[in-house]
Amino acid sequence: MIKPEAVSIEQAFGFANNRAFCKYVCPVPVLQKITSRFSLLKVKIDPAKCVDCGMCEKVCPMDVKLLEYKNNNQRVLSTECIWCDTCIYECPQNAIASTIGLDAGFKERINYR
């Protein structure tokens, strides 16, 4: 008898995203998103140092579109950013840093595939 392969939650619900459960079902991020909106610590890309290689976006586990924030000269305002600093460590130009400050704009960019 042939056993059917295990079907992941993403496949069962037809989501093409590898974090579908985290984005759409898990209740924990609700409070985290509210507090991250007003966080003083956020990531910023220095446009003078950045060469648009895209390495930061490739290694980001949360699929945040970091270069869009750089092009608008903003800190990363996305509540999807978990501040893991992977982008900081992988940037070949050392153009990304954690910064402290307040942001007036609350425009968020989320990558929906």
PDB file of N, CA and C in Angstrom:
ATOM      1  N   MET A   1       0.835  -1.179   0.000  1.00  0.00           N
ATOM      2  CA  MET A   1       0.000   0.000   0.000  1.00  0.00           C
ATOM      3  C   MET A   1       0.885   1.250   0.000  1.00  0.00           C
ATOM      4  N   ILE A   2       0.578   2.175  -0.857  1.00  0.00           N
ATOM      5  CA  ILE A   2       1.339   3.418  -0.973  1.00  0.00           C
ATOM      6  C   ILE A   2       0.727   4.455  -0.038  1.00  0.00           C
ATOM      7  N   LYS A   3       1.611   5.041   0.799  1.00  0.00           N
ATOM      8  CA  LYS A   3       1.139   6.074   1.723  1.00  0.00           C
ATOM      9  C   LYS A   3       1.190   7.435   1.033  1.00  0.00           C
ATOM     10  N   PRO A   4       0.152   8.260   1.211  1.00  0.00           N
ATOM     11  CA  PRO A   4       0.216   9.605   0.633  1.00  0.00           C
ATOM     12  C   PRO A   4       1.251  10.437   1.372  1.00  0.00           C
ATOM     13  N   GLU A   5       1.870  11.343   0.645  1.00  0.00           N
ATOM     14  CA  GLU A   5       2.863  12.222   1.255  1.00  0.00           C
ATOM     15  C   GLU A   5       2.180  13.195   2.194  1.00  0.00           C
ATOM     16  N   ALA A   6       2.918  13.612   3.201  1.00  0.00           N
ATOM     17  CA  ALA A   6       2.375  14.584   4.147  1.00  0.00           C
ATOM     18  C   ALA A   6       2.158  15.918   3.435  1.00  0.00           C
ATOM     19  N   VAL A   7       1.047  16.539   3.738  1.00  0.00           N
ATOM     20  CA  VAL A   7       0.708  17.823   3.132  1.00  0.00           C
ATOM     21  C   VAL A   7       0.879  18.894   4.193  1.00  0.00           C
ATOM     22  N   SER A   8       1.647  19.920   3.877  1.00  0.00           N
ATOM     23  CA  SER A   8       1.856  21.000   4.827  1.00  0.00           C
ATOM     24  C   SER A   8       0.621  21.887   4.893  1.00  0.00           C
ATOM     25  N   ILE A   9       0.572  22.692   5.931  1.00  0.00           N
ATOM     26  CA  ILE A   9      -0.555  23.616   6.099  1.00  0.00           C
ATOM     27  C   ILE A   9      -0.645  24.566   4.913  1.00  0.00           C
ATOM     28  N   GLU A  10       0.521  25.049   4.429  1.00  0.00           N
ATOM     29  CA  GLU A  10       0.525  25.979   3.294  1.00  0.00           C
ATOM     30  C   GLU A  10      -0.102  25.337   2.062  1.00  0.00           C
ATOM     31  N   GLN A  11       0.246  24.082   1.810  1.00  0.00           N
ATOM     32  CA  GLN A  11      -0.308  23.391   0.654  1.00  0.00           C
ATOM     33  C   GLN A  11      -1.794  23.118   0.847  1.00  0.00           C
ATOM     34  N   ALA A  12      -2.166  22.767   2.066  1.00  0.00           N
ATOM     35  CA  ALA A  12      -3.571  22.452   2.331  1.00  0.00           C
ATOM     36  C   ALA A  12      -4.463  23.659   2.116  1.00  0.00           C
ATOM     37  N   PHE A  13      -4.008  24.820   2.470  1.00  0.00           N
ATOM     38  CA  PHE A  13      -4.808  26.031   2.309  1.00  0.00           C
ATOM     39  C   PHE A  13      -4.524  26.765   1.008  1.00  0.00           C
ATOM     40  N   GLY A  14      -3.620  26.244   0.209  1.00  0.00           N
ATOM     41  CA  GLY A  14      -3.330  26.838  -1.089  1.00  0.00           C
ATOM     42  C   GLY A  14      -2.458  28.077  -1.021  1.00  0.00           C
ATOM     43  N   PHE A  15      -1.736  28.272   0.074  1.00  0.00           N
ATOM     44  CA  PHE A  15      -0.851  29.423   0.182  1.00  0.00           C
ATOM     45  C   PHE A  15       0.480  29.099  -0.481  1.00  0.00           C
ATOM     46  N   ALA A  16       1.020  30.035  -1.222  1.00  0.00           N
ATOM     47  CA  ALA A  16       2.306  29.838  -1.887  1.00  0.00           C
ATOM     48  C   ALA A  16       3.453  30.382  -1.044  1.00  0.00           C
ATOM     49  N   ASN A  17       3.152  30.868   0.139  1.00  0.00           N
ATOM     50  CA  ASN A  17       4.143  31.496   0.991  1.00  0.00           C
ATOM     51  C   ASN A  17       4.633  30.498   2.026  1.00  0.00           C
ATOM     52  N   ASN A  18       5.936  30.458   2.281  1.00  0.00           N
ATOM     53  CA  ASN A  18       6.463  29.513   3.261  1.00  0.00           C
ATOM     54  C   ASN A  18       6.173  29.930   4.696  1.00  0.00           C
ATOM     55  N   ARG A  19       5.634  31.102   4.921  1.00  0.00           N
ATOM     56  CA  ARG A  19       5.287  31.573   6.260  1.00  0.00           C
ATOM     57  C   ARG A  19       3.792  31.860   6.372  1.00  0.00           C
ATOM     58  N   ALA A  20       2.989  31.139   5.642  1.00  0.00           N
ATOM     59  CA  ALA A  20       1.551  31.389   5.628  1.00  0.00           C
ATOM     60  C   ALA A  20       0.941  31.247   7.014  1.00  0.00           C
ATOM     61  N   PHE A  21       1.335  30.239   7.743  1.00  0.00           N
ATOM     62  CA  PHE A  21       0.778  30.054   9.088  1.00  0.00           C
ATOM     63  C   PHE A  21       1.108  31.254   9.968  1.00  0.00           C
ATOM     64  N   CYS A  22       2.360  31.700   9.925  1.00  0.00           N
ATOM     65  CA  CYS A  22       2.780  32.837  10.749  1.00  0.00           C
ATOM     66  C   CYS A  22       2.034  34.119  10.390  1.00  0.00           C
ATOM     67  N   LYS A  23       1.834  34.333   9.105  1.00  0.00           N
ATOM     68  CA  LYS A  23       1.191  35.574   8.651  1.00  0.00           C
ATOM     69  C   LYS A  23      -0.316  35.594   8.860  1.00  0.00           C
ATOM     70  N   TYR A  24      -0.975  34.441   8.655  1.00  0.00           N
ATOM     71  CA  TYR A  24      -2.422  34.453   8.576  1.00  0.00           C
ATOM     72  C   TYR A  24      -3.154  33.725   9.702  1.00  0.00           C
ATOM     73  N   VAL A  25      -2.487  32.829  10.410  1.00  0.00           N
ATOM     74  CA  VAL A  25      -3.192  32.013  11.387  1.00  0.00           C
ATOM     75  C   VAL A  25      -2.717  32.241  12.817  1.00  0.00           C
ATOM     76  N   CYS A  26      -1.425  32.337  13.028  1.00  0.00           N
ATOM     77  CA  CYS A  26      -0.858  32.431  14.371  1.00  0.00           C
ATOM     78  C   CYS A  26      -1.306  33.720  15.075  1.00  0.00           C
ATOM     79  N   PRO A  27      -1.818  33.613  16.316  1.00  0.00           N
ATOM     80  CA  PRO A  27      -2.298  34.801  17.028  1.00  0.00           C
ATOM     81  C   PRO A  27      -1.199  35.608  17.724  1.00  0.00           C
ATOM     82  N   VAL A  28      -0.001  35.050  17.892  1.00  0.00           N
ATOM     83  CA  VAL A  28       1.056  35.725  18.636  1.00  0.00           C
ATOM     84  C   VAL A  28       1.508  37.041  17.996  1.00  0.00           C
ATOM     85  N   PRO A  29       1.691  37.121  16.680  1.00  0.00           N
ATOM     86  CA  PRO A  29       2.211  38.355  16.085  1.00  0.00           C
ATOM     87  C   PRO A  29       1.301  39.584  16.205  1.00  0.00           C
ATOM     88  N   VAL A  30       0.062  39.394  16.567  1.00  0.00           N
ATOM     89  CA  VAL A  30      -0.840  40.548  16.676  1.00  0.00           C
ATOM     90  C   VAL A  30      -0.275  41.567  17.654  1.00  0.00           C
ATOM     91  N   LEU A  31       0.081  41.133  18.846  1.00  0.00           N
ATOM     92  CA  LEU A  31       0.657  42.049  19.833  1.00  0.00           C
ATOM     93  C   LEU A  31       2.057  42.491  19.446  1.00  0.00           C
ATOM     94  N   GLN A  32       2.819  41.602  18.835  1.00  0.00           N
ATOM     95  CA  GLN A  32       4.166  41.967  18.421  1.00  0.00           C
ATOM     96  C   GLN A  32       4.144  43.044  17.342  1.00  0.00           C
ATOM     97  N   LYS A  33       3.203  42.972  16.430  1.00  0.00           N
ATOM     98  CA  LYS A  33       3.119  43.980  15.365  1.00  0.00           C
ATOM     99  C   LYS A  33       2.769  45.348  15.936  1.00  0.00           C
ATOM    100  N   ILE A  34       1.892  45.378  16.914  1.00  0.00           N
ATOM    101  CA  ILE A  34       1.500  46.655  17.525  1.00  0.00           C
ATOM    102  C   ILE A  34       2.710  47.300  18.190  1.00  0.00           C
ATOM    103  N   THR A  35       3.467  46.535  18.961  1.00  0.00           N
ATOM    104  CA  THR A  35       4.614  47.113  19.655  1.00  0.00           C
ATOM    105  C   THR A  35       5.770  47.419  18.702  1.00  0.00           C
ATOM    106  N   SER A  36       5.938  46.628  17.637  1.00  0.00           N
ATOM    107  CA  SER A  36       7.038  46.889  16.710  1.00  0.00           C
ATOM    108  C   SER A  36       6.816  48.171  15.914  1.00  0.00           C
ATOM    109  N   ARG A  37       5.578  48.557  15.735  1.00  0.00           N
ATOM    110  CA  ARG A  37       5.269  49.797  15.015  1.00  0.00           C
ATOM    111  C   ARG A  37       5.909  51.001  15.699  1.00  0.00           C
ATOM    112  N   PHE A  38       5.973  50.966  17.030  1.00  0.00           N
ATOM    113  CA  PHE A  38       6.495  52.091  17.799  1.00  0.00           C
ATOM    114  C   PHE A  38       7.877  51.824  18.391  1.00  0.00           C
ATOM    115  N   SER A  39       8.559  50.828  17.876  1.00  0.00           N
ATOM    116  CA  SER A  39       9.881  50.472  18.374  1.00  0.00           C
ATOM    117  C   SER A  39      10.896  51.570  18.068  1.00  0.00           C
ATOM    118  N   LEU A  40      11.778  51.812  19.005  1.00  0.00           N
ATOM    119  CA  LEU A  40      12.845  52.794  18.798  1.00  0.00           C
ATOM    120  C   LEU A  40      13.999  52.194  18.000  1.00  0.00           C
ATOM    121  N   LEU A  41      14.194  50.894  18.102  1.00  0.00           N
ATOM    122  CA  LEU A  41      15.290  50.213  17.414  1.00  0.00           C
ATOM    123  C   LEU A  41      14.801  49.653  16.086  1.00  0.00           C
ATOM    124  N   LYS A  42      15.421  50.110  14.999  1.00  0.00           N
ATOM    125  CA  LYS A  42      15.071  49.630  13.669  1.00  0.00           C
ATOM    126  C   LYS A  42      16.309  49.621  12.786  1.00  0.00           C
ATOM    127  N   VAL A  43      16.189  48.934  11.670  1.00  0.00           N
ATOM    128  CA  VAL A  43      17.293  48.805  10.720  1.00  0.00           C
ATOM    129  C   VAL A  43      17.221  49.937   9.698  1.00  0.00           C
ATOM    130  N   LYS A  44      18.394  50.450   9.323  1.00  0.00           N
ATOM    131  CA  LYS A  44      18.463  51.486   8.287  1.00  0.00           C
ATOM    132  C   LYS A  44      19.625  51.171   7.353  1.00  0.00           C
ATOM    133  N   ILE A  45      19.389  51.412   6.066  1.00  0.00           N
ATOM    134  CA  ILE A  45      20.421  51.203   5.053  1.00  0.00           C
ATOM    135  C   ILE A  45      20.964  52.564   4.622  1.00  0.00           C
ATOM    136  N   ASP A  46      22.267  52.700   4.645  1.00  0.00           N
ATOM    137  CA  ASP A  46      22.919  53.941   4.227  1.00  0.00           C
ATOM    138  C   ASP A  46      22.988  53.959   2.701  1.00  0.00           C
ATOM    139  N   PRO A  47      22.233  54.875   2.043  1.00  0.00           N
ATOM    140  CA  PRO A  47      22.227  54.913   0.578  1.00  0.00           C
ATOM    141  C   PRO A  47      23.592  55.224  -0.037  1.00  0.00           C
ATOM    142  N   ALA A  48      24.453  55.924   0.694  1.00  0.00           N
ATOM    143  CA  ALA A  48      25.772  56.260   0.171  1.00  0.00           C
ATOM    144  C   ALA A  48      26.686  55.037   0.074  1.00  0.00           C
ATOM    145  N   LYS A  49      26.495  54.062   0.958  1.00  0.00           N
ATOM    146  CA  LYS A  49      27.325  52.862   0.967  1.00  0.00           C
ATOM    147  C   LYS A  49      26.729  51.714   0.158  1.00  0.00           C
ATOM    148  N   CYS A  50      25.418  51.683   0.044  1.00  0.00           N
ATOM    149  CA  CYS A  50      24.724  50.562  -0.596  1.00  0.00           C
ATOM    150  C   CYS A  50      24.964  50.550  -2.106  1.00  0.00           C
ATOM    151  N   VAL A  51      25.238  49.349  -2.648  1.00  0.00           N
ATOM    152  CA  VAL A  51      25.465  49.198  -4.079  1.00  0.00           C
ATOM    153  C   VAL A  51      24.318  48.427  -4.754  1.00  0.00           C
ATOM    154  N   ASP A  52      23.202  48.276  -4.057  1.00  0.00           N
ATOM    155  CA  ASP A  52      22.003  47.584  -4.573  1.00  0.00           C
ATOM    156  C   ASP A  52      22.288  46.156  -5.035  1.00  0.00           C
ATOM    157  N   CYS A  53      23.103  45.435  -4.299  1.00  0.00           N
ATOM    158  CA  CYS A  53      23.399  44.048  -4.672  1.00  0.00           C
ATOM    159  C   CYS A  53      22.235  43.114  -4.358  1.00  0.00           C
ATOM    160  N   GLY A  54      21.376  43.517  -3.408  1.00  0.00           N
ATOM    161  CA  GLY A  54      20.208  42.719  -3.073  1.00  0.00           C
ATOM    162  C   GLY A  54      20.470  41.585  -2.100  1.00  0.00           C
ATOM    163  N   MET A  55      21.680  41.484  -1.589  1.00  0.00           N
ATOM    164  CA  MET A  55      22.011  40.405  -0.654  1.00  0.00           C
ATOM    165  C   MET A  55      21.140  40.478   0.604  1.00  0.00           C
ATOM    166  N   CYS A  56      20.852  41.683   1.072  1.00  0.00           N
ATOM    167  CA  CYS A  56      20.040  41.842   2.281  1.00  0.00           C
ATOM    168  C   CYS A  56      18.647  41.242   2.099  1.00  0.00           C
ATOM    169  N   GLU A  57      18.050  41.458   0.939  1.00  0.00           N
ATOM    170  CA  GLU A  57      16.720  40.914   0.673  1.00  0.00           C
ATOM    171  C   GLU A  57      16.760  39.406   0.475  1.00  0.00           C
ATOM    172  N   LYS A  58      17.853  38.901  -0.081  1.00  0.00           N
ATOM    173  CA  LYS A  58      17.983  37.450  -0.299  1.00  0.00           C
ATOM    174  C   LYS A  58      18.067  36.692   1.016  1.00  0.00           C
ATOM    175  N   VAL A  59      18.763  37.258   2.003  1.00  0.00           N
ATOM    176  CA  VAL A  59      18.962  36.549   3.266  1.00  0.00           C
ATOM    177  C   VAL A  59      17.892  36.853   4.307  1.00  0.00           C
ATOM    178  N   CYS A  60      17.036  37.821   4.059  1.00  0.00           N
ATOM    179  CA  CYS A  60      16.010  38.196   5.036  1.00  0.00           C
ATOM    180  C   CYS A  60      15.010  37.051   5.215  1.00  0.00           C
ATOM    181  N   PRO A  61      14.913  36.489   6.422  1.00  0.00           N
ATOM    182  CA  PRO A  61      13.978  35.387   6.640  1.00  0.00           C
ATOM    183  C   PRO A  61      12.516  35.817   6.598  1.00  0.00           C
ATOM    184  N   MET A  62      12.268  37.101   6.675  1.00  0.00           N
ATOM    185  CA  MET A  62      10.897  37.608   6.687  1.00  0.00           C
ATOM    186  C   MET A  62      10.482  38.205   5.344  1.00  0.00           C
ATOM    187  N   ASP A  63      11.322  38.130   4.342  1.00  0.00           N
ATOM    188  CA  ASP A  63      11.033  38.637   2.993  1.00  0.00           C
ATOM    189  C   ASP A  63      10.663  40.119   2.966  1.00  0.00           C
ATOM    190  N   VAL A  64      11.328  40.911   3.789  1.00  0.00           N
ATOM    191  CA  VAL A  64      11.091  42.356   3.806  1.00  0.00           C
ATOM    192  C   VAL A  64      11.812  42.972   2.614  1.00  0.00           C
ATOM    193  N   LYS A  65      11.155  43.879   1.921  1.00  0.00           N
ATOM    194  CA  LYS A  65      11.745  44.568   0.771  1.00  0.00           C
ATOM    195  C   LYS A  65      12.587  45.745   1.280  1.00  0.00           C
ATOM    196  N   LEU A  66      13.791  45.438   1.704  1.00  0.00           N
ATOM    197  CA  LEU A  66      14.670  46.418   2.337  1.00  0.00           C
ATOM    198  C   LEU A  66      15.104  47.534   1.397  1.00  0.00           C
ATOM    199  N   LEU A  67      15.362  47.206   0.142  1.00  0.00           N
ATOM    200  CA  LEU A  67      15.862  48.224  -0.787  1.00  0.00           C
ATOM    201  C   LEU A  67      14.820  49.302  -1.081  1.00  0.00           C
ATOM    202  N   GLU A  68      13.551  48.996  -0.937  1.00  0.00           N
ATOM    203  CA  GLU A  68      12.520  50.022  -1.121  1.00  0.00           C
ATOM    204  C   GLU A  68      12.610  51.071  -0.019  1.00  0.00           C
ATOM    205  N   TYR A  69      12.910  50.643   1.194  1.00  0.00           N
ATOM    206  CA  TYR A  69      13.095  51.598   2.292  1.00  0.00           C
ATOM    207  C   TYR A  69      14.348  52.434   2.059  1.00  0.00           C
ATOM    208  N   LYS A  70      15.402  51.795   1.554  1.00  0.00           N
ATOM    209  CA  LYS A  70      16.640  52.531   1.264  1.00  0.00           C
ATOM    210  C   LYS A  70      16.390  53.588   0.200  1.00  0.00           C
ATOM    211  N   ASN A  71      15.651  53.226  -0.849  1.00  0.00           N
ATOM    212  CA  ASN A  71      15.374  54.167  -1.933  1.00  0.00           C
ATOM    213  C   ASN A  71      14.541  55.350  -1.471  1.00  0.00           C
ATOM    214  N   ASN A  72      13.734  55.165  -0.420  1.00  0.00           N
ATOM    215  CA  ASN A  72      12.937  56.260   0.144  1.00  0.00           C
ATOM    216  C   ASN A  72      13.636  56.933   1.326  1.00  0.00           C
ATOM    217  N   ASN A  73      14.899  56.534   1.579  1.00  0.00           N
ATOM    218  CA  ASN A  73      15.691  57.079   2.681  1.00  0.00           C
ATOM    219  C   ASN A  73      14.952  56.967   4.018  1.00  0.00           C
ATOM    220  N   GLN A  74      14.386  55.785   4.272  1.00  0.00           N
ATOM    221  CA  GLN A  74      13.658  55.523   5.512  1.00  0.00           C
ATOM    222  C   GLN A  74      14.302  54.363   6.253  1.00  0.00           C
ATOM    223  N   ARG A  75      14.019  54.324   7.545  1.00  0.00           N
ATOM    224  CA  ARG A  75      14.355  53.121   8.299  1.00  0.00           C
ATOM    225  C   ARG A  75      13.322  52.066   7.928  1.00  0.00           C
ATOM    226  N   VAL A  76      13.612  50.806   8.200  1.00  0.00           N
ATOM    227  CA  VAL A  76      12.692  49.725   7.869  1.00  0.00           C
ATOM    228  C   VAL A  76      11.503  49.793   8.818  1.00  0.00           C
ATOM    229  N   LEU A  77      10.353  50.195   8.268  1.00  0.00           N
ATOM    230  CA  LEU A  77       9.151  50.383   9.075  1.00  0.00           C
ATOM    231  C   LEU A  77       8.246  49.159   9.084  1.00  0.00           C
ATOM    232  N   SER A  78       8.603  48.139   8.358  1.00  0.00           N
ATOM    233  CA  SER A  78       7.763  46.960   8.250  1.00  0.00           C
ATOM    234  C   SER A  78       7.649  46.243   9.594  1.00  0.00           C
ATOM    235  N   THR A  79       6.433  45.902   9.972  1.00  0.00           N
ATOM    236  CA  THR A  79       6.237  45.130  11.197  1.00  0.00           C
ATOM    237  C   THR A  79       6.638  43.679  10.982  1.00  0.00           C
ATOM    238  N   GLU A  80       6.922  43.305   9.740  1.00  0.00           N
ATOM    239  CA  GLU A  80       7.394  41.957   9.444  1.00  0.00           C
ATOM    240  C   GLU A  80       8.849  41.780   9.883  1.00  0.00           C
ATOM    241  N   CYS A  81       9.597  42.865   9.981  1.00  0.00           N
ATOM    242  CA  CYS A  81      11.006  42.790  10.374  1.00  0.00           C
ATOM    243  C   CYS A  81      11.098  42.354  11.834  1.00  0.00           C
ATOM    244  N   ILE A  82      11.830  41.269  12.075  1.00  0.00           N
ATOM    245  CA  ILE A  82      11.980  40.750  13.434  1.00  0.00           C
ATOM    246  C   ILE A  82      13.302  41.176  14.065  1.00  0.00           C
ATOM    247  N   TRP A  83      14.017  42.043  13.381  1.00  0.00           N
ATOM    248  CA  TRP A  83      15.264  42.623  13.884  1.00  0.00           C
ATOM    249  C   TRP A  83      16.264  41.525  14.233  1.00  0.00           C
ATOM    250  N   CYS A  84      16.413  40.582  13.306  1.00  0.00           N
ATOM    251  CA  CYS A  84      17.334  39.461  13.512  1.00  0.00           C
ATOM    252  C   CYS A  84      18.769  39.833  13.169  1.00  0.00           C
ATOM    253  N   ASP A  85      18.967  40.931  12.469  1.00  0.00           N
ATOM    254  CA  ASP A  85      20.274  41.454  12.064  1.00  0.00           C
ATOM    255  C   ASP A  85      20.989  40.591  11.026  1.00  0.00           C
ATOM    256  N   THR A  86      20.293  39.662  10.397  1.00  0.00           N
ATOM    257  CA  THR A  86      20.898  38.847   9.356  1.00  0.00           C
ATOM    258  C   THR A  86      21.360  39.726   8.199  1.00  0.00           C
ATOM    259  N   CYS A  87      20.553  40.704   7.833  1.00  0.00           N
ATOM    260  CA  CYS A  87      20.913  41.603   6.738  1.00  0.00           C
ATOM    261  C   CYS A  87      22.170  42.417   7.071  1.00  0.00           C
ATOM    262  N   ILE A  88      22.304  42.797   8.324  1.00  0.00           N
ATOM    263  CA  ILE A  88      23.468  43.579   8.757  1.00  0.00           C
ATOM    264  C   ILE A  88      24.740  42.757   8.605  1.00  0.00           C
ATOM    265  N   TYR A  89      24.704  41.497   9.032  1.00  0.00           N
ATOM    266  CA  TYR A  89      25.886  40.643   8.981  1.00  0.00           C
ATOM    267  C   TYR A  89      26.247  40.229   7.559  1.00  0.00           C
ATOM    268  N   GLU A  90      25.272  40.124   6.681  1.00  0.00           N
ATOM    269  CA  GLU A  90      25.519  39.642   5.321  1.00  0.00           C
ATOM    270  C   GLU A  90      25.823  40.750   4.317  1.00  0.00           C
ATOM    271  N   CYS A  91      25.623  41.996   4.680  1.00  0.00           N
ATOM    272  CA  CYS A  91      25.864  43.103   3.744  1.00  0.00           C
ATOM    273  C   CYS A  91      27.365  43.224   3.452  1.00  0.00           C
ATOM    274  N   PRO A  92      27.771  43.072   2.193  1.00  0.00           N
ATOM    275  CA  PRO A  92      29.205  43.146   1.870  1.00  0.00           C
ATOM    276  C   PRO A  92      29.776  44.558   1.983  1.00  0.00           C
ATOM    277  N   GLN A  93      28.933  45.575   1.965  1.00  0.00           N
ATOM    278  CA  GLN A  93      29.403  46.960   2.024  1.00  0.00           C
ATOM    279  C   GLN A  93      29.264  47.582   3.412  1.00  0.00           C
ATOM    280  N   ASN A  94      28.760  46.821   4.387  1.00  0.00           N
ATOM    281  CA  ASN A  94      28.488  47.344   5.733  1.00  0.00           C
ATOM    282  C   ASN A  94      27.612  48.591   5.679  1.00  0.00           C
ATOM    283  N   ALA A  95      26.605  48.543   4.807  1.00  0.00           N
ATOM    284  CA  ALA A  95      25.724  49.697   4.612  1.00  0.00           C
ATOM    285  C   ALA A  95      24.500  49.655   5.514  1.00  0.00           C
ATOM    286  N   ILE A  96      24.308  48.561   6.250  1.00  0.00           N
ATOM    287  CA  ILE A  96      23.114  48.406   7.074  1.00  0.00           C
ATOM    288  C   ILE A  96      23.497  48.447   8.541  1.00  0.00           C
ATOM    289  N   ALA A  97      22.700  49.173   9.323  1.00  0.00           N
ATOM    290  CA  ALA A  97      22.981  49.290  10.750  1.00  0.00           C
ATOM    291  C   ALA A  97      21.681  49.372  11.531  1.00  0.00           C
ATOM    292  N   SER A  98      21.743  48.991  12.793  1.00  0.00           N
ATOM    293  CA  SER A  98      20.616  49.187  13.698  1.00  0.00           C
ATOM    294  C   SER A  98      20.683  50.620  14.197  1.00  0.00           C
ATOM    295  N   THR A  99      19.548  51.286  14.207  1.00  0.00           N
ATOM    296  CA  THR A  99      19.511  52.679  14.618  1.00  0.00           C
ATOM    297  C   THR A  99      18.456  52.891  15.693  1.00  0.00           C
ATOM    298  N   ILE A 100      18.604  53.969  16.423  1.00  0.00           N
ATOM    299  CA  ILE A 100      17.644  54.344  17.461  1.00  0.00           C
ATOM    300  C   ILE A 100      16.993  55.643  17.023  1.00  0.00           C
ATOM    301  N   GLY A 101      15.672  55.724  17.137  1.00  0.00           N
ATOM    302  CA  GLY A 101      14.982  56.951  16.769  1.00  0.00           C
ATOM    303  C   GLY A 101      13.481  56.747  16.676  1.00  0.00           C
ATOM    304  N   LEU A 102      12.794  57.817  16.374  1.00  0.00           N
ATOM    305  CA  LEU A 102      11.351  57.793  16.179  1.00  0.00           C
ATOM    306  C   LEU A 102      11.051  58.026  14.709  1.00  0.00           C
ATOM    307  N   ASP A 103      10.016  57.383  14.219  1.00  0.00           N
ATOM    308  CA  ASP A 103       9.615  57.549  12.830  1.00  0.00           C
ATOM    309  C   ASP A 103       8.245  58.202  12.774  1.00  0.00           C
ATOM    310  N   ALA A 104       8.138  59.243  11.943  1.00  0.00           N
ATOM    311  CA  ALA A 104       6.850  59.919  11.779  1.00  0.00           C
ATOM    312  C   ALA A 104       5.974  59.173  10.786  1.00  0.00           C
ATOM    313  N   GLY A 105       6.586  58.611   9.756  1.00  0.00           N
ATOM    314  CA  GLY A 105       5.816  57.894   8.739  1.00  0.00           C
ATOM    315  C   GLY A 105       5.523  56.479   9.164  1.00  0.00           C
ATOM    316  N   PHE A 106       4.346  55.999   8.843  1.00  0.00           N
ATOM    317  CA  PHE A 106       3.977  54.640   9.229  1.00  0.00           C
ATOM    318  C   PHE A 106       3.638  53.792   8.015  1.00  0.00           C
ATOM    319  N   LYS A 107       4.184  54.150   6.855  1.00  0.00           N
ATOM    320  CA  LYS A 107       3.910  53.385   5.649  1.00  0.00           C
ATOM    321  C   LYS A 107       4.709  52.094   5.690  1.00  0.00           C
ATOM    322  N   GLU A 108       4.025  51.020   5.518  1.00  0.00           N
ATOM    323  CA  GLU A 108       4.633  49.705   5.633  1.00  0.00           C
ATOM    324  C   GLU A 108       4.583  48.999   4.290  1.00  0.00           C
ATOM    325  N   ARG A 109       5.666  48.260   3.977  1.00  0.00           N
ATOM    326  CA  ARG A 109       5.689  47.464   2.745  1.00  0.00           C
ATOM    327  C   ARG A 109       5.816  46.013   3.147  1.00  0.00           C
ATOM    328  N   ILE A 110       4.822  45.225   2.779  1.00  0.00           N
ATOM    329  CA  ILE A 110       4.843  43.799   3.058  1.00  0.00           C
ATOM    330  C   ILE A 110       4.907  43.055   1.744  1.00  0.00           C
ATOM    331  N   ASN A 111       5.733  42.046   1.701  1.00  0.00           N
ATOM    332  CA  ASN A 111       5.890  41.259   0.481  1.00  0.00           C
ATOM    333  C   ASN A 111       4.868  40.147   0.462  1.00  0.00           C
ATOM    334  N   TYR A 112       3.865  40.278  -0.378  1.00  0.00           N
ATOM    335  CA  TYR A 112       2.907  39.206  -0.579  1.00  0.00           C
ATOM    336  C   TYR A 112       3.207  38.567  -1.921  1.00  0.00           C
ATOM    337  N   ARG A 113       3.532  37.297  -1.894  1.00  0.00           N
ATOM    338  CA  ARG A 113       3.888  36.603  -3.132  1.00  0.00           C
ATOM    339  C   ARG A 113       2.660  36.049  -3.776  1.00  0.00           C
TER     340      ARG A 113
END
